[in-house]
Protein backbone atom coordinates (compact mmCIF):
# COMPACT_ATOMS: atom_id res chain seq x y z
CA UNK A 1 -11.62 -13.54 8.18
CA UNK A 2 -13.06 -12.90 4.75
CA UNK A 3 -11.45 -10.03 2.93
CA UNK A 4 -13.46 -7.70 0.74
CA UNK A 5 -12.10 -6.53 -2.63
CA UNK A 6 -11.41 -3.14 -1.05
CA UNK A 7 -9.41 -4.84 1.74
CA UNK A 8 -7.34 -6.70 -0.84
CA UNK A 9 -6.74 -3.58 -2.94
CA UNK A 10 -5.62 -1.62 0.13
CA UNK A 11 -3.27 -4.39 1.20
CA UNK A 12 -1.76 -4.57 -2.29
CA UNK A 13 -1.16 -0.81 -2.25
CA UNK A 14 0.47 -1.00 1.18
CA UNK A 15 2.72 -3.84 0.02
CA UNK A 16 3.75 -1.80 -3.04
CA UNK A 17 4.57 1.13 -0.75
CA UNK A 18 6.52 -1.07 1.64
CA UNK A 19 8.57 -2.58 -1.18
CA UNK A 20 9.27 0.88 -2.57
CA UNK A 21 10.49 2.06 0.86
CA UNK A 22 12.65 -1.07 1.14
CA UNK A 23 14.32 -0.18 -2.15
CA UNK A 24 14.79 3.42 -1.02
CA UNK A 25 16.29 2.31 2.29
CA UNK A 26 18.65 -0.31 0.89
CA UNK A 27 19.62 1.09 -2.49
CA UNK A 28 18.46 4.75 -2.56
CA UNK A 29 16.25 3.74 -5.52
CA UNK A 30 12.68 5.03 -5.73
CA UNK A 31 10.93 2.60 -8.09
CA UNK A 32 7.71 4.61 -8.30
CA UNK A 33 9.58 7.78 -9.26
CA UNK A 34 11.69 5.84 -11.73
CA UNK A 35 8.67 4.27 -13.42
CA UNK A 36 6.61 7.45 -13.63
CA UNK A 37 9.19 10.10 -14.50
CA UNK A 38 10.27 11.52 -11.15
CA UNK A 39 8.82 11.97 -7.69
CA UNK A 40 7.12 15.26 -8.57
CA UNK A 41 5.12 14.07 -11.57
CA UNK A 42 1.35 13.76 -11.43
CA UNK A 43 1.46 9.96 -11.85
CA UNK A 44 4.02 9.45 -9.08
CA UNK A 45 2.12 11.71 -6.71
CA UNK A 46 -1.07 9.80 -7.55
CA UNK A 47 0.60 6.47 -6.72
CA UNK A 48 2.04 7.88 -3.48
CA UNK A 49 -1.41 9.22 -2.55
CA UNK A 50 -3.12 5.89 -3.29
CA UNK A 51 -0.53 4.06 -1.18
CA UNK A 52 -1.14 6.50 1.67
CA UNK A 53 -4.92 6.12 1.43
CA UNK A 54 -4.49 2.35 1.36
CA UNK A 55 -2.43 2.56 4.53
CA UNK A 56 -5.07 4.66 6.26
CA UNK A 57 -7.76 2.18 5.21
CA UNK A 58 -5.68 -0.74 6.54
CA UNK A 59 -5.86 0.79 10.01
CA UNK A 60 -9.48 -0.38 10.04
CA UNK A 61 -8.27 -3.97 9.63
CA UNK A 62 -6.71 -3.76 13.09
CA UNK A 63 -10.05 -3.14 14.75
CA UNK A 64 -12.28 -5.63 12.97
CA UNK A 65 -13.76 -8.54 14.84
CA UNK A 66 -12.34 -11.92 13.93
CA UNK A 67 -14.86 -14.56 12.94
CA UNK A 68 -14.64 -17.69 15.12
CA UNK A 69 -12.98 -20.66 13.45
CA UNK A 70 -15.39 -23.24 12.14
CA UNK A 71 -14.68 -26.80 13.14
């Protein structure tokens, strides 16, 4: 399946969010909050919002038709 630039951007955001949650779960370390000055700052909230929107967009990837393999 060919991915559009928006698909790739959404997947990158979801991966960033997943890695951040992994760090929170294993080490109680929020990388996004640490990089942007705390979890309540505008930049952190923007990153969290973009990750969430990316996750919502990735739901559409579940329902797309797969192109048949070319032989």
